[in-house]
């Protein structure tokens, strides 16, 4: 093809995601979903120029000077030629990490992850996931769900048609009224952006739009931590839009915590955004015969850019979590309470998502104790609060987080 002969030339190699080039070489596509990042701040003039080239804009993303949308392939070269265009990424797909099994209701008497006087009070965590079910452990006696936005089906009130988001939120902030189930940060609040569908997949563009929304509501909701329990291996070391977005959120003073991914134990198997230096990346382990053992699916470092990862390792096998009615849909604009009841309130999840959310709960304890932290400082302190579990560094990072070490950090008035 005449068009493809130009792909190997000049600016294409520097500006256009290799995933887009592969798509154009392997199929007769006419429309390609893209995320175009500009050198300059996003304004009406740039949006107008993009529209004239046929870009059907899905989202404007000022936090990273970007537009997401569908572009006719015939106009890709013209878009590349715009001086202000920095990089054009493929709008790929990310996946939620985790598997479920249902424990006996009797197991609830054992489910208590809170072993501290710290409880995450006055700290809000944001989750980008499959949604959030208004589970009684999240809505009674206090509604912990401060805000919810659905980027998939545009439904106003909280729901979760997959279950992953509810399970993850419960691991971090859930608590039963009788005190038998208690997460590390049971007094924290949460906001949830639904960017993943009922099958557990989500487009990069929806994830980035969720980040934009979280930045916009950060101050109102006192958001300190963003939890990203998902990943993708569909990225190039020079074209990684999820890592770029993490950097932009990090620069907005929001601490990001994510997972190594569930794609196996080979070297350099960590997925994006876990590869990002602007994230706290968590691997998963279990205790077997008295010793720590990494989960076989837990990704290992270093990253493809030779960055030392993970940052820590946490339990990730059969972690107790909140169950979810995936068939529930809210009725009415402010319907936070389902009319039906769950026959089983609790489930369990395994994988790096579960480990990540346990670590997120511990991070909330740190922010409760030292509220005015930058993400860089929080990351440094958390790594110092880890204890080695005698695994290789590319497997465990700094080790497992110790709540006792977080408790022992002197507050500014006691230094």
Protein backbone atom coordinates (compact mmCIF):
# COMPACT_ATOMS: atom_id res chain seq x y z
CA UNK A 1 0.00 0.00 0.00
CA UNK A 2 1.15 3.48 -0.82
CA UNK A 3 0.10 4.67 2.65
CA UNK A 4 1.97 1.94 4.47
CA UNK A 5 5.16 2.71 2.62
CA UNK A 6 5.19 6.05 4.40
CA UNK A 7 4.69 4.56 7.85
CA UNK A 8 8.33 3.59 8.09
CA UNK A 9 9.40 7.15 7.31
CA UNK A 10 10.32 10.18 9.40
CA UNK A 11 7.80 11.22 12.03
CA UNK A 12 5.69 8.05 12.04
CA UNK A 13 8.31 6.10 13.96
CA UNK A 14 8.48 8.81 16.62
CA UNK A 15 4.86 9.91 16.83
CA UNK A 16 2.67 6.89 16.05
CA UNK A 17 2.15 3.98 18.42
CA UNK A 18 3.60 0.74 17.07
CA UNK A 19 0.24 -0.91 17.83
CA UNK A 20 -1.43 1.38 15.28
CA UNK A 21 1.20 0.53 12.68
CA UNK A 22 0.62 -3.18 13.26
CA UNK A 23 -3.14 -2.75 12.87
CA UNK A 24 -2.70 -0.91 9.58
CA UNK A 25 -0.35 -3.58 8.28
CA UNK A 26 -2.50 -6.54 9.25
CA UNK A 27 -6.04 -5.49 8.41
CA UNK A 28 -8.05 -3.31 6.07
CA UNK A 29 -9.29 -0.92 8.72
CA UNK A 30 -10.87 2.39 7.80
CA UNK A 31 -11.31 3.80 11.31
CA UNK A 32 -8.77 3.56 14.12
CA UNK A 33 -9.45 4.42 17.81
CA UNK A 34 -6.72 6.75 19.02
CA UNK A 35 -5.55 8.95 21.88
CA UNK A 36 -3.64 11.94 20.56
CA UNK A 37 -1.42 13.86 22.97
CA UNK A 38 -0.38 17.42 22.17
CA UNK A 39 2.72 19.39 23.12
CA UNK A 40 0.56 22.34 24.11
CA UNK A 41 -2.46 22.69 26.42
CA UNK A 42 -5.70 21.49 24.92
CA UNK A 43 -7.84 24.31 23.52
CA UNK A 44 -10.75 24.88 21.15
CA UNK A 45 -8.44 25.50 18.20
CA UNK A 46 -6.73 22.11 18.53
CA UNK A 47 -10.07 20.37 18.93
CA UNK A 48 -11.43 22.14 15.87
CA UNK A 49 -8.41 21.14 13.76
CA UNK A 50 -8.77 17.54 14.88
CA UNK A 51 -12.47 17.52 14.01
CA UNK A 52 -11.73 18.88 10.53
CA UNK A 53 -9.55 15.81 10.00
CA UNK A 54 -12.52 13.63 10.85
CA UNK A 55 -11.65 12.82 14.47
CA UNK A 56 -14.88 11.86 16.21
CA UNK A 57 -13.98 13.07 19.70
CA UNK A 58 -15.00 10.72 22.48
CA UNK A 59 -13.27 12.57 25.33
CA UNK A 60 -11.28 15.73 25.86
CA UNK A 61 -8.56 15.06 28.45
CA UNK A 62 -7.01 18.36 29.58
CA UNK A 63 -5.01 16.71 32.40
CA UNK A 64 -2.71 15.20 29.78
CA UNK A 65 -3.32 17.58 26.83
CA UNK A 66 -5.08 14.86 24.88
CA UNK A 67 -8.10 13.91 22.82
CA UNK A 68 -9.55 10.42 22.50
CA UNK A 69 -11.69 9.36 19.58
CA UNK A 70 -12.02 7.56 16.25
CA UNK A 71 -10.01 8.75 13.26
CA UNK A 72 -10.36 7.81 9.58
CA UNK A 73 -7.14 6.04 8.61
CA UNK A 74 -6.83 8.14 5.47
CA UNK A 75 -6.27 11.23 7.65
CA UNK A 76 -3.70 9.75 10.02
CA UNK A 77 -0.75 11.16 8.11
CA UNK A 78 -2.30 14.63 8.16
CA UNK A 79 -2.79 14.40 11.92
CA UNK A 80 0.81 13.33 12.37
CA UNK A 81 1.86 16.39 10.37
CA UNK A 82 0.28 18.83 12.84
CA UNK A 83 3.17 20.48 14.64
CA UNK A 84 1.45 20.43 18.05
CA UNK A 85 0.88 16.66 17.92
CA UNK A 86 3.32 14.91 20.23
CA UNK A 87 2.22 11.26 20.18
CA UNK A 88 -0.67 9.23 18.80
CA UNK A 89 -1.51 6.15 20.88
CA UNK A 90 -3.78 3.25 20.08
CA UNK A 91 -6.90 3.18 22.27
CA UNK A 92 -6.29 -0.35 23.52
CA UNK A 93 -7.92 -2.57 26.11
CA UNK A 94 -7.01 -3.28 29.74
CA UNK A 95 -8.18 -6.20 31.89
CA UNK A 96 -9.23 -6.59 35.51
CA UNK A 97 -7.04 -8.96 37.52
CA UNK A 98 -8.55 -11.53 39.87
CA UNK A 99 -10.54 -14.70 40.23
CA UNK A 100 -13.41 -15.41 42.60
CA UNK A 101 -14.46 -18.27 44.81
CA UNK A 102 -17.21 -18.27 47.43
CA UNK A 103 -16.27 -19.13 51.01
CA UNK A 104 -18.66 -20.42 53.63
CA UNK A 105 -20.57 -17.74 55.48
CA UNK A 106 -19.02 -19.20 58.63
CA UNK A 107 -15.65 -17.85 57.52
CA UNK A 108 -16.82 -14.32 58.32
CA UNK A 109 -15.74 -14.75 61.92
CA UNK A 110 -12.13 -14.90 60.73
CA UNK A 111 -12.18 -11.95 58.35
CA UNK A 112 -10.57 -9.02 60.11
CA UNK A 113 -7.68 -7.24 58.44
CA UNK A 114 -7.72 -4.31 60.85
CA UNK A 115 -5.02 -4.68 63.47
CA UNK A 116 -4.29 -1.05 64.20
CA UNK A 117 -5.57 2.00 66.00
CA UNK A 118 -5.37 3.64 62.56
CA UNK A 119 -8.46 3.16 60.39
CA UNK A 120 -8.16 5.46 57.37
CA UNK A 121 -10.45 8.14 58.79
CA UNK A 122 -10.76 11.30 56.65
CA UNK A 123 -8.97 9.67 53.70
CA UNK A 124 -10.77 9.02 50.40
CA UNK A 125 -9.68 6.41 47.88
CA UNK A 126 -10.71 6.49 44.23
CA UNK A 127 -11.18 3.24 42.31
CA UNK A 128 -11.26 2.78 38.55
CA UNK A 129 -12.93 -0.57 38.13
CA UNK A 130 -16.15 -2.36 37.12
CA UNK A 131 -18.32 -0.29 39.44
CA UNK A 132 -19.45 -0.54 43.03
CA UNK A 133 -22.46 -2.37 44.44
CA UNK A 134 -24.20 -0.56 47.34
CA UNK A 135 -23.33 -3.36 49.73
CA UNK A 136 -24.50 -2.88 53.34
CA UNK A 137 -20.87 -2.93 54.51
CA UNK A 138 -20.30 0.17 52.37
CA UNK A 139 -23.58 1.98 53.01
CA UNK A 140 -24.55 1.23 56.63
CA UNK A 141 -24.19 2.91 59.05
CA UNK A 142 -22.43 5.50 56.91
CA UNK A 143 -22.53 5.72 53.14
CA UNK A 144 -18.87 5.48 52.19
CA UNK A 145 -19.59 5.94 48.48
CA UNK A 146 -19.10 9.68 48.06
CA UNK A 147 -19.36 9.76 44.28
CA UNK A 148 -19.87 7.43 41.34
CA UNK A 149 -19.59 7.89 37.59
CA UNK A 150 -20.34 5.35 34.89
CA UNK A 151 -18.28 5.66 31.70
CA UNK A 152 -19.74 2.48 30.19
CA UNK A 153 -23.54 2.56 30.46
CA UNK A 154 -24.02 6.13 31.76
CA UNK A 155 -26.10 5.05 34.76
CA UNK A 156 -26.20 7.67 37.53
CA UNK A 157 -26.14 5.57 40.70
CA UNK A 158 -23.72 2.89 41.94
CA UNK A 159 -23.89 -0.66 40.60
CA UNK A 160 -21.43 -3.36 39.55
CA UNK A 161 -22.29 -5.82 36.79
CA UNK A 162 -19.01 -7.72 37.11
CA UNK A 163 -18.21 -7.88 40.83
CA UNK A 164 -14.52 -7.04 40.72
CA UNK A 165 -14.94 -3.42 41.77
CA UNK A 166 -17.07 -4.27 44.79
CA UNK A 167 -14.69 -7.00 45.91
CA UNK A 168 -11.67 -4.69 45.62
CA UNK A 169 -13.32 -1.77 47.41
CA UNK A 170 -14.41 -4.11 50.20
CA UNK A 171 -10.88 -5.39 50.72
CA UNK A 172 -9.69 -1.84 51.25
CA UNK A 173 -12.55 -0.05 53.06
CA UNK A 174 -15.34 -2.51 53.89
CA UNK A 175 -16.66 -3.14 57.41
CA UNK A 176 -19.68 -5.01 58.72
CA UNK A 177 -21.93 -3.53 61.40
CA UNK A 178 -21.11 -6.38 63.79
CA UNK A 179 -17.37 -5.82 63.34
CA UNK A 180 -16.66 -9.34 62.12
CA UNK A 181 -15.54 -8.15 58.67
CA UNK A 182 -13.14 -5.25 58.87
CA UNK A 183 -10.74 -4.01 56.23
CA UNK A 184 -7.52 -2.09 57.03
CA UNK A 185 -9.04 1.32 56.22
CA UNK A 186 -12.62 0.69 57.32
CA UNK A 187 -13.23 4.37 58.12
CA UNK A 188 -12.05 5.61 54.71
CA UNK A 189 -14.46 6.79 52.04
CA UNK A 190 -14.40 5.99 48.35
CA UNK A 191 -15.32 7.28 44.93
CA UNK A 192 -15.70 4.91 42.02
CA UNK A 193 -15.41 5.36 38.28
CA UNK A 194 -16.86 2.52 36.25
CA UNK A 195 -14.53 2.17 33.24
CA UNK A 196 -14.77 -1.61 32.83
CA UNK A 197 -17.70 -3.55 31.42
CA UNK A 198 -19.43 -6.67 32.67
CA UNK A 199 -16.78 -8.80 30.98
CA UNK A 200 -13.92 -7.14 32.87
CA UNK A 201 -12.44 -5.20 29.97
CA UNK A 202 -12.03 -1.46 29.56
CA UNK A 203 -10.75 0.87 26.86
CA UNK A 204 -7.78 3.08 27.68
CA UNK A 205 -9.88 6.11 26.74
CA UNK A 206 -12.52 5.32 29.38
CA UNK A 207 -9.78 4.83 31.97
CA UNK A 208 -8.23 8.19 31.10
CA UNK A 209 -11.62 9.90 31.21
CA UNK A 210 -12.12 8.40 34.67
CA UNK A 211 -8.78 9.87 35.74
CA UNK A 212 -9.84 13.27 34.40
CA UNK A 213 -13.03 13.09 36.46
CA UNK A 214 -11.18 12.01 39.60
CA UNK A 215 -8.81 14.96 39.30
CA UNK A 216 -11.77 17.30 38.89
CA UNK A 217 -13.50 16.07 42.08
CA UNK A 218 -10.32 15.49 44.10
CA UNK A 219 -10.48 18.54 46.36
CA UNK A 220 -14.21 18.24 47.03
CA UNK A 221 -13.84 14.62 48.13
CA UNK A 222 -10.36 14.75 49.67
CA UNK A 223 -9.04 12.06 47.34
CA UNK A 224 -5.53 11.00 48.33
CA UNK A 225 -5.19 7.59 46.68
CA UNK A 226 -6.12 6.19 43.27
CA UNK A 227 -6.41 2.40 43.03
CA UNK A 228 -5.85 0.79 39.62
CA UNK A 229 -6.39 -2.99 39.98
CA UNK A 230 -6.01 -3.77 36.29
CA UNK A 231 -3.45 -3.88 33.53
CA UNK A 232 -2.48 -4.63 29.97
CA UNK A 233 0.47 -6.11 28.14
CA UNK A 234 -0.58 -4.30 24.95
CA UNK A 235 2.03 -1.56 25.19
CA UNK A 236 5.45 -0.68 23.87
CA UNK A 237 8.17 0.73 26.11
CA UNK A 238 8.11 3.91 24.01
CA UNK A 239 4.31 4.03 23.67
CA UNK A 240 2.66 3.46 27.03
CA UNK A 241 -0.29 5.79 27.47
CA UNK A 242 -1.39 4.29 30.81
CA UNK A 243 2.02 5.03 32.34
CA UNK A 244 1.91 8.54 30.89
CA UNK A 245 -1.52 9.10 32.45
CA UNK A 246 -0.21 7.86 35.81
CA UNK A 247 2.57 10.41 35.65
CA UNK A 248 0.04 13.20 35.04
CA UNK A 249 -2.19 12.07 37.92
CA UNK A 250 0.86 11.67 40.21
CA UNK A 251 1.83 15.26 39.37
CA UNK A 252 -1.64 16.28 40.56
CA UNK A 253 -0.62 15.03 44.03
CA UNK A 254 -2.66 11.82 43.94
CA UNK A 255 -0.91 8.63 45.07
CA UNK A 256 -1.40 5.75 42.64
CA UNK A 257 -1.35 2.12 43.68
CA UNK A 258 -1.57 -0.68 41.14
CA UNK A 259 -0.62 -4.30 40.55
CA UNK A 260 2.09 -6.26 38.79
CA UNK A 261 -0.61 -8.06 36.82
CA UNK A 262 -1.60 -11.69 36.56
CA UNK A 263 0.38 -12.68 33.46
CA UNK A 264 2.85 -15.01 35.09
CA UNK A 265 6.15 -15.31 36.83
CA UNK A 266 8.62 -14.70 34.01
CA UNK A 267 11.14 -11.90 34.25
CA UNK A 268 9.81 -8.54 32.97
CA UNK A 269 6.21 -9.78 33.10
CA UNK A 270 4.78 -6.73 34.90
CA UNK A 271 1.96 -5.11 32.98
CA UNK A 272 1.09 -1.44 32.48
CA UNK A 273 0.40 0.69 34.49
CA UNK A 274 2.40 -1.40 37.00
CA UNK A 275 5.57 -0.61 35.05
CA UNK A 276 5.17 3.11 35.72
CA UNK A 277 7.70 4.79 38.04
CA UNK A 278 4.78 7.03 39.03
CA UNK A 279 2.89 4.25 40.78
CA UNK A 280 3.28 1.98 43.80
CA UNK A 281 3.24 -1.52 42.30
CA UNK A 282 2.11 -4.54 44.31
CA UNK A 283 2.87 -8.24 43.75
CA UNK A 284 0.91 -11.13 45.30
CA UNK A 285 1.94 -13.97 47.61
CA UNK A 286 0.56 -16.64 49.91
CA UNK A 287 1.89 -18.36 53.00
CA UNK A 288 2.57 -22.03 52.31
CA UNK A 289 4.06 -24.33 54.96
CA UNK A 290 5.09 -21.34 57.02
CA UNK A 291 6.93 -19.54 54.23
CA UNK A 292 6.03 -16.82 51.76
CA UNK A 293 5.44 -18.05 48.24
CA UNK A 294 4.66 -15.80 45.26
CA UNK A 295 1.44 -16.52 43.43
CA UNK A 296 2.35 -18.14 40.10
CA UNK A 297 0.36 -15.52 38.20
CA UNK A 298 2.01 -12.55 39.94
CA UNK A 299 4.17 -10.49 37.56
CA UNK A 300 7.90 -10.11 38.21
CA UNK A 301 10.37 -7.32 37.63
CA UNK A 302 12.25 -5.54 36.41
CA UNK A 303 10.11 -3.62 33.93
CA UNK A 304 10.81 -3.59 30.21
CA UNK A 305 12.47 -0.20 30.81
CA UNK A 306 14.67 -1.82 33.47
CA UNK A 307 12.99 -0.06 36.40
CA UNK A 308 13.10 -1.96 39.67
CA UNK A 309 9.63 -3.30 40.39
CA UNK A 310 7.51 -4.38 42.23
CA UNK A 311 7.52 -1.98 45.16
CA UNK A 312 6.06 -4.45 47.64
CA UNK A 313 4.29 -7.78 47.94
CA UNK A 314 1.06 -8.54 49.80
CA UNK A 315 -1.18 -11.55 50.47
CA UNK A 316 -3.25 -12.35 47.39
CA UNK A 317 -4.66 -15.84 47.87
CA UNK A 318 -8.32 -16.29 48.86
CA UNK A 319 -8.63 -12.79 50.28
CA UNK A 320 -12.04 -12.18 51.86
CA UNK A 321 -14.07 -9.56 50.05
CA UNK A 322 -17.58 -8.22 49.55
CA UNK A 323 -19.98 -10.16 47.39
CA UNK A 324 -22.06 -8.44 44.74
CA UNK A 325 -25.39 -8.80 42.97
CA UNK A 326 -24.22 -8.40 39.37
CA UNK A 327 -27.83 -8.26 38.16
CA UNK A 328 -28.75 -5.28 40.33
CA UNK A 329 -29.49 -2.02 38.53
CA UNK A 330 -30.40 1.13 40.48
CA UNK A 331 -33.87 2.59 40.16
CA UNK A 332 -34.00 6.36 40.40
CA UNK A 333 -31.29 8.95 40.36
CA UNK A 334 -30.21 8.62 44.00
CA UNK A 335 -30.83 4.92 44.54
CA UNK A 336 -27.93 3.90 46.76
CA UNK A 337 -29.72 1.00 48.43
CA UNK A 338 -30.89 -2.11 46.56
CA UNK A 339 -34.31 -3.42 47.49
CA UNK A 340 -33.14 -7.04 47.39
CA UNK A 341 -30.67 -8.64 49.75
CA UNK A 342 -27.64 -10.80 48.98
CA UNK A 343 -28.00 -14.41 50.14
CA UNK A 344 -24.22 -14.45 50.72
CA UNK A 345 -22.59 -11.18 51.73
CA UNK A 346 -18.98 -12.24 51.34
CA UNK A 347 -16.77 -13.93 48.80
CA UNK A 348 -13.04 -14.30 48.26
CA UNK A 349 -10.70 -13.21 45.50
CA UNK A 350 -7.21 -14.23 44.50
CA UNK A 351 -4.65 -12.40 42.41
CA UNK A 352 -2.71 -9.18 42.32
CA UNK A 353 -5.87 -7.03 42.51
CA UNK A 354 -6.60 -8.42 45.97
CA UNK A 355 -3.01 -7.78 47.09
CA UNK A 356 -3.14 -4.26 45.66
CA UNK A 357 -6.28 -3.37 47.59
CA UNK A 358 -4.84 -4.64 50.88
CA UNK A 359 -1.85 -2.38 50.24
CA UNK A 360 -4.19 0.50 49.36
CA UNK A 361 -5.84 0.11 52.76
CA UNK A 362 -2.45 0.33 54.44
CA UNK A 363 -1.56 3.39 52.35
CA UNK A 364 -4.73 5.07 53.66
CA UNK A 365 -3.46 4.49 57.20
CA UNK A 366 -0.26 6.32 56.28
CA UNK A 367 -2.22 9.24 54.84
CA UNK A 368 -4.38 9.34 57.96
CA UNK A 369 -1.25 9.71 60.06
CA UNK A 370 0.67 12.05 57.74
CA UNK A 371 -1.96 13.89 55.72
CA UNK A 372 0.24 16.35 53.85
CA UNK A 373 2.25 13.87 51.81
CA UNK A 374 3.39 14.07 48.23
CA UNK A 375 3.10 10.82 46.27
CA UNK A 376 6.90 10.55 46.07
CA UNK A 377 7.21 10.85 49.83
CA UNK A 378 4.38 8.39 50.45
CA UNK A 379 6.01 5.85 48.14
CA UNK A 380 9.36 6.22 49.86
CA UNK A 381 7.86 5.85 53.35
CA UNK A 382 5.76 2.82 52.41
CA UNK A 383 8.80 1.02 51.02
CA UNK A 384 10.61 1.71 54.29
CA UNK A 385 7.63 0.22 56.13
CA UNK A 386 8.11 -3.15 54.46
CA UNK A 387 9.61 -6.34 55.87
CA UNK A 388 11.41 -8.80 53.61
CA UNK A 389 9.71 -12.17 53.14
CA UNK A 390 12.97 -13.69 51.85
CA UNK A 391 12.09 -13.72 48.19
CA UNK A 392 14.08 -12.24 45.33
CA UNK A 393 13.76 -8.49 44.90
CA UNK A 394 12.13 -8.77 41.43
CA UNK A 395 9.46 -10.89 43.15
CA UNK A 396 8.87 -9.11 46.47
CA UNK A 397 10.23 -5.59 46.00
CA UNK A 398 10.84 -4.15 49.46
CA UNK A 399 8.75 -6.91 51.08
CA UNK A 400 5.37 -7.00 52.82
CA UNK A 401 3.91 -3.84 54.34
CA UNK A 402 3.96 -3.68 58.14
CA UNK A 403 1.14 -1.72 59.76
CA UNK A 404 3.21 -1.66 62.95
CA UNK A 405 5.92 0.27 61.12
CA UNK A 406 3.30 2.73 59.85
CA UNK A 407 2.00 3.15 63.41
CA UNK A 408 5.51 3.88 64.65
CA UNK A 409 6.14 6.73 62.23
CA UNK A 410 6.42 9.90 64.30
CA UNK A 411 3.88 12.58 63.48
CA UNK A 412 5.22 16.11 62.87
CA UNK A 413 4.22 17.35 66.34
CA UNK A 414 6.10 14.46 67.98
CA UNK A 415 9.33 14.69 66.03
